[in-house]
Amino acid sequence: MKALAQMTLQQSIEDIFIQELDQIYYPGYTEDLIASDPGKFDWELKEFQGQFSIRH
């Protein structure tokens, strides 16, 4: 059950991140970013997740 909770939390953070990027730039921006530079998307997502990490 713990793994499922972690996976659900992870998915929620990713959904929030995608929604934020699409609101800041334009609808579909995240899809374009993933297609053109998946490494940059991963880096940006990790930075976003780090802002909400309990372990600072």
PDB file of N, CA and C in Angstrom:
ATOM      1  N   MET A   1       0.819  -1.189   0.000  1.00  0.00           N
ATOM      2  CA  MET A   1       0.000   0.000   0.000  1.00  0.00           C
ATOM      3  C   MET A   1       0.864   1.255   0.000  1.00  0.00           C
ATOM      4  N   LYS A   2       2.003   1.201   0.662  1.00  0.00           N
ATOM      5  CA  LYS A   2       2.879   2.362   0.729  1.00  0.00           C
ATOM      6  C   LYS A   2       3.391   2.745  -0.667  1.00  0.00           C
ATOM      7  N   ALA A   3       3.725   1.757  -1.476  1.00  0.00           N
ATOM      8  CA  ALA A   3       4.201   2.024  -2.831  1.00  0.00           C
ATOM      9  C   ALA A   3       3.109   2.680  -3.671  1.00  0.00           C
ATOM     10  N   LEU A   4       1.878   2.226  -3.509  1.00  0.00           N
ATOM     11  CA  LEU A   4       0.757   2.817  -4.242  1.00  0.00           C
ATOM     12  C   LEU A   4       0.550   4.267  -3.832  1.00  0.00           C
ATOM     13  N   ALA A   5       0.644   4.549  -2.544  1.00  0.00           N
ATOM     14  CA  ALA A   5       0.492   5.921  -2.064  1.00  0.00           C
ATOM     15  C   ALA A   5       1.593   6.812  -2.630  1.00  0.00           C
ATOM     16  N   GLN A   6       2.816   6.309  -2.668  1.00  0.00           N
ATOM     17  CA  GLN A   6       3.933   7.086  -3.215  1.00  0.00           C
ATOM     18  C   GLN A   6       3.733   7.336  -4.709  1.00  0.00           C
ATOM     19  N   MET A   7       3.274   6.312  -5.426  1.00  0.00           N
ATOM     20  CA  MET A   7       3.040   6.451  -6.856  1.00  0.00           C
ATOM     21  C   MET A   7       1.925   7.473  -7.114  1.00  0.00           C
ATOM     22  N   THR A   8       0.871   7.449  -6.297  1.00  0.00           N
ATOM     23  CA  THR A   8      -0.226   8.397  -6.434  1.00  0.00           C
ATOM     24  C   THR A   8       0.251   9.814  -6.150  1.00  0.00           C
ATOM     25  N   LEU A   9       1.054   9.978  -5.112  1.00  0.00           N
ATOM     26  CA  LEU A   9       1.616  11.289  -4.791  1.00  0.00           C
ATOM     27  C   LEU A   9       2.479  11.788  -5.938  1.00  0.00           C
ATOM     28  N   GLN A  10       3.325  10.925  -6.473  1.00  0.00           N
ATOM     29  CA  GLN A  10       4.199  11.287  -7.590  1.00  0.00           C
ATOM     30  C   GLN A  10       3.370  11.739  -8.783  1.00  0.00           C
ATOM     31  N   GLN A  11       2.345  10.994  -9.100  1.00  0.00           N
ATOM     32  CA  GLN A  11       1.488  11.345 -10.233  1.00  0.00           C
ATOM     33  C   GLN A  11       0.836  12.703 -10.018  1.00  0.00           C
ATOM     34  N   SER A  12       0.396  12.974  -8.808  1.00  0.00           N
ATOM     35  CA  SER A  12      -0.258  14.237  -8.512  1.00  0.00           C
ATOM     36  C   SER A  12       0.703  15.410  -8.689  1.00  0.00           C
ATOM     37  N   ILE A  13       1.926  15.262  -8.246  1.00  0.00           N
ATOM     38  CA  ILE A  13       2.921  16.326  -8.395  1.00  0.00           C
ATOM     39  C   ILE A  13       3.198  16.563  -9.879  1.00  0.00           C
ATOM     40  N   GLU A  14       3.317  15.500 -10.647  1.00  0.00           N
ATOM     41  CA  GLU A  14       3.540  15.641 -12.091  1.00  0.00           C
ATOM     42  C   GLU A  14       2.362  16.336 -12.754  1.00  0.00           C
ATOM     43  N   ASP A  15       1.143  15.970 -12.365  1.00  0.00           N
ATOM     44  CA  ASP A  15      -0.044  16.611 -12.935  1.00  0.00           C
ATOM     45  C   ASP A  15      -0.067  18.104 -12.622  1.00  0.00           C
ATOM     46  N   ILE A  16       0.242  18.448 -11.391  1.00  0.00           N
ATOM     47  CA  ILE A  16       0.282  19.852 -10.982  1.00  0.00           C
ATOM     48  C   ILE A  16       1.337  20.605 -11.786  1.00  0.00           C
ATOM     49  N   PHE A  17       2.515  20.010 -11.935  1.00  0.00           N
ATOM     50  CA  PHE A  17       3.602  20.632 -12.678  1.00  0.00           C
ATOM     51  C   PHE A  17       3.197  20.879 -14.137  1.00  0.00           C
ATOM     52  N   ILE A  18       2.588  19.880 -14.753  1.00  0.00           N
ATOM     53  CA  ILE A  18       2.162  20.013 -16.148  1.00  0.00           C
ATOM     54  C   ILE A  18       1.118  21.113 -16.283  1.00  0.00           C
ATOM     55  N   GLN A  19       0.170  21.147 -15.377  1.00  0.00           N
ATOM     56  CA  GLN A  19      -0.858  22.187 -15.413  1.00  0.00           C
ATOM     57  C   GLN A  19      -0.250  23.579 -15.252  1.00  0.00           C
ATOM     58  N   GLU A  20       0.710  23.703 -14.343  1.00  0.00           N
ATOM     59  CA  GLU A  20       1.364  24.999 -14.124  1.00  0.00           C
ATOM     60  C   GLU A  20       2.105  25.462 -15.375  1.00  0.00           C
ATOM     61  N   LEU A  21       2.888  24.578 -15.977  1.00  0.00           N
ATOM     62  CA  LEU A  21       3.622  24.957 -17.189  1.00  0.00           C
ATOM     63  C   LEU A  21       2.678  25.364 -18.306  1.00  0.00           C
ATOM     64  N   ASP A  22       1.609  24.592 -18.487  1.00  0.00           N
ATOM     65  CA  ASP A  22       0.661  24.909 -19.552  1.00  0.00           C
ATOM     66  C   ASP A  22      -0.063  26.226 -19.288  1.00  0.00           C
ATOM     67  N   GLN A  23      -0.247  26.601 -18.028  1.00  0.00           N
ATOM     68  CA  GLN A  23      -0.875  27.885 -17.710  1.00  0.00           C
ATOM     69  C   GLN A  23       0.102  29.040 -17.892  1.00  0.00           C
ATOM     70  N   ILE A  24       1.355  28.812 -17.533  1.00  0.00           N
ATOM     71  CA  ILE A  24       2.359  29.876 -17.645  1.00  0.00           C
ATOM     72  C   ILE A  24       2.653  30.190 -19.109  1.00  0.00           C
ATOM     73  N   TYR A  25       2.849  29.159 -19.910  1.00  0.00           N
ATOM     74  CA  TYR A  25       3.237  29.364 -21.306  1.00  0.00           C
ATOM     75  C   TYR A  25       2.032  29.291 -22.233  1.00  0.00           C
ATOM     76  N   TYR A  26       1.604  28.117 -22.595  1.00  0.00           N
ATOM     77  CA  TYR A  26       0.433  27.941 -23.455  1.00  0.00           C
ATOM     78  C   TYR A  26      -0.032  26.495 -23.349  1.00  0.00           C
ATOM     79  N   PRO A  27      -1.304  26.249 -23.622  1.00  0.00           N
ATOM     80  CA  PRO A  27      -1.794  24.875 -23.567  1.00  0.00           C
ATOM     81  C   PRO A  27      -1.013  23.990 -24.540  1.00  0.00           C
ATOM     82  N   GLY A  28      -0.522  22.884 -24.047  1.00  0.00           N
ATOM     83  CA  GLY A  28       0.273  21.977 -24.870  1.00  0.00           C
ATOM     84  C   GLY A  28       1.774  22.214 -24.773  1.00  0.00           C
ATOM     85  N   TYR A  29       2.182  23.239 -24.028  1.00  0.00           N
ATOM     86  CA  TYR A  29       3.614  23.530 -23.893  1.00  0.00           C
ATOM     87  C   TYR A  29       4.383  22.323 -23.362  1.00  0.00           C
ATOM     88  N   THR A  30       3.826  21.677 -22.353  1.00  0.00           N
ATOM     89  CA  THR A  30       4.527  20.547 -21.741  1.00  0.00           C
ATOM     90  C   THR A  30       4.725  19.416 -22.738  1.00  0.00           C
ATOM     91  N   GLU A  31       3.711  19.128 -23.527  1.00  0.00           N
ATOM     92  CA  GLU A  31       3.850  18.089 -24.548  1.00  0.00           C
ATOM     93  C   GLU A  31       4.946  18.459 -25.543  1.00  0.00           C
ATOM     94  N   ASP A  32       4.978  19.717 -25.951  1.00  0.00           N
ATOM     95  CA  ASP A  32       6.021  20.180 -26.869  1.00  0.00           C
ATOM     96  C   ASP A  32       7.401  20.049 -26.239  1.00  0.00           C
ATOM     97  N   LEU A  33       7.508  20.406 -24.961  1.00  0.00           N
ATOM     98  CA  LEU A  33       8.789  20.329 -24.256  1.00  0.00           C
ATOM     99  C   LEU A  33       9.262  18.879 -24.158  1.00  0.00           C
ATOM    100  N   ILE A  34       8.373  17.982 -23.801  1.00  0.00           N
ATOM    101  CA  ILE A  34       8.738  16.568 -23.700  1.00  0.00           C
ATOM    102  C   ILE A  34       9.193  16.039 -25.051  1.00  0.00           C
ATOM    103  N   ALA A  35       8.521  16.441 -26.115  1.00  0.00           N
ATOM    104  CA  ALA A  35       8.883  15.968 -27.458  1.00  0.00           C
ATOM    105  C   ALA A  35      10.222  16.532 -27.920  1.00  0.00           C
ATOM    106  N   SER A  36      10.487  17.791 -27.587  1.00  0.00           N
ATOM    107  CA  SER A  36      11.703  18.433 -28.089  1.00  0.00           C
ATOM    108  C   SER A  36      12.915  18.254 -27.180  1.00  0.00           C
ATOM    109  N   ASP A  37      12.688  18.195 -25.860  1.00  0.00           N
ATOM    110  CA  ASP A  37      13.811  18.104 -24.925  1.00  0.00           C
ATOM    111  C   ASP A  37      13.381  17.402 -23.632  1.00  0.00           C
ATOM    112  N   PRO A  38      13.249  16.070 -23.684  1.00  0.00           N
ATOM    113  CA  PRO A  38      12.776  15.341 -22.498  1.00  0.00           C
ATOM    114  C   PRO A  38      13.695  15.501 -21.286  1.00  0.00           C
ATOM    115  N   GLY A  39      14.980  15.688 -21.509  1.00  0.00           N
ATOM    116  CA  GLY A  39      15.916  15.896 -20.408  1.00  0.00           C
ATOM    117  C   GLY A  39      15.613  17.179 -19.649  1.00  0.00           C
ATOM    118  N   LYS A  40      15.276  18.221 -20.374  1.00  0.00           N
ATOM    119  CA  LYS A  40      14.937  19.499 -19.734  1.00  0.00           C
ATOM    120  C   LYS A  40      13.658  19.351 -18.923  1.00  0.00           C
ATOM    121  N   PHE A  41      12.673  18.625 -19.470  1.00  0.00           N
ATOM    122  CA  PHE A  41      11.439  18.399 -18.721  1.00  0.00           C
ATOM    123  C   PHE A  41      11.731  17.666 -17.418  1.00  0.00           C
ATOM    124  N   ASP A  42      12.534  16.608 -17.489  1.00  0.00           N
ATOM    125  CA  ASP A  42      12.876  15.839 -16.285  1.00  0.00           C
ATOM    126  C   ASP A  42      13.578  16.712 -15.258  1.00  0.00           C
ATOM    127  N   TRP A  43      14.518  17.534 -15.713  1.00  0.00           N
ATOM    128  CA  TRP A  43      15.248  18.422 -14.809  1.00  0.00           C
ATOM    129  C   TRP A  43      14.300  19.419 -14.153  1.00  0.00           C
ATOM    130  N   GLU A  44      13.440  20.045 -14.957  1.00  0.00           N
ATOM    131  CA  GLU A  44      12.486  21.017 -14.425  1.00  0.00           C
ATOM    132  C   GLU A  44      11.540  20.367 -13.418  1.00  0.00           C
ATOM    133  N   LEU A  45      11.099  19.143 -13.707  1.00  0.00           N
ATOM    134  CA  LEU A  45      10.207  18.428 -12.796  1.00  0.00           C
ATOM    135  C   LEU A  45      10.911  18.137 -11.476  1.00  0.00           C
ATOM    136  N   LYS A  46      12.153  17.715 -11.527  1.00  0.00           N
ATOM    137  CA  LYS A  46      12.906  17.441 -10.295  1.00  0.00           C
ATOM    138  C   LYS A  46      13.093  18.720  -9.473  1.00  0.00           C
ATOM    139  N   GLU A  47      13.343  19.828 -10.131  1.00  0.00           N
ATOM    140  CA  GLU A  47      13.458  21.109  -9.435  1.00  0.00           C
ATOM    141  C   GLU A  47      12.131  21.475  -8.769  1.00  0.00           C
ATOM    142  N   PHE A  48      11.045  21.283  -9.479  1.00  0.00           N
ATOM    143  CA  PHE A  48       9.718  21.566  -8.943  1.00  0.00           C
ATOM    144  C   PHE A  48       9.431  20.682  -7.733  1.00  0.00           C
ATOM    145  N   GLN A  49       9.733  19.402  -7.851  1.00  0.00           N
ATOM    146  CA  GLN A  49       9.516  18.473  -6.740  1.00  0.00           C
ATOM    147  C   GLN A  49      10.370  18.853  -5.535  1.00  0.00           C
ATOM    148  N   GLY A  50      11.579  19.329  -5.785  1.00  0.00           N
ATOM    149  CA  GLY A  50      12.472  19.727  -4.708  1.00  0.00           C
ATOM    150  C   GLY A  50      11.916  20.865  -3.872  1.00  0.00           C
ATOM    151  N   GLN A  51      11.105  21.699  -4.469  1.00  0.00           N
ATOM    152  CA  GLN A  51      10.500  22.805  -3.729  1.00  0.00           C
ATOM    153  C   GLN A  51       9.510  22.314  -2.685  1.00  0.00           C
ATOM    154  N   PHE A  52       9.002  21.105  -2.877  1.00  0.00           N
ATOM    155  CA  PHE A  52       7.999  20.562  -1.961  1.00  0.00           C
ATOM    156  C   PHE A  52       8.535  19.437  -1.096  1.00  0.00           C
ATOM    157  N   SER A  53       9.814  19.196  -1.189  1.00  0.00           N
ATOM    158  CA  SER A  53      10.438  18.117  -0.421  1.00  0.00           C
ATOM    159  C   SER A  53      10.510  18.488   1.057  1.00  0.00           C
ATOM    160  N   ILE A  54      10.241  17.532   1.912  1.00  0.00           N
ATOM    161  CA  ILE A  54      10.332  17.737   3.351  1.00  0.00           C
ATOM    162  C   ILE A  54      11.791  17.768   3.783  1.00  0.00           C
ATOM    163  N   ARG A  55      12.638  17.052   3.073  1.00  0.00           N
ATOM    164  CA  ARG A  55      14.068  16.960   3.421  1.00  0.00           C
ATOM    165  C   ARG A  55      14.854  18.054   2.711  1.00  0.00           C
ATOM    166  N   HIS A  56      14.999  19.199   3.331  1.00  0.00           N
ATOM    167  CA  HIS A  56      15.801  20.290   2.743  1.00  0.00           C
ATOM    168  C   HIS A  56      17.129  20.347   3.416  1.00  0.00           C
TER     169      HIS A  56
END
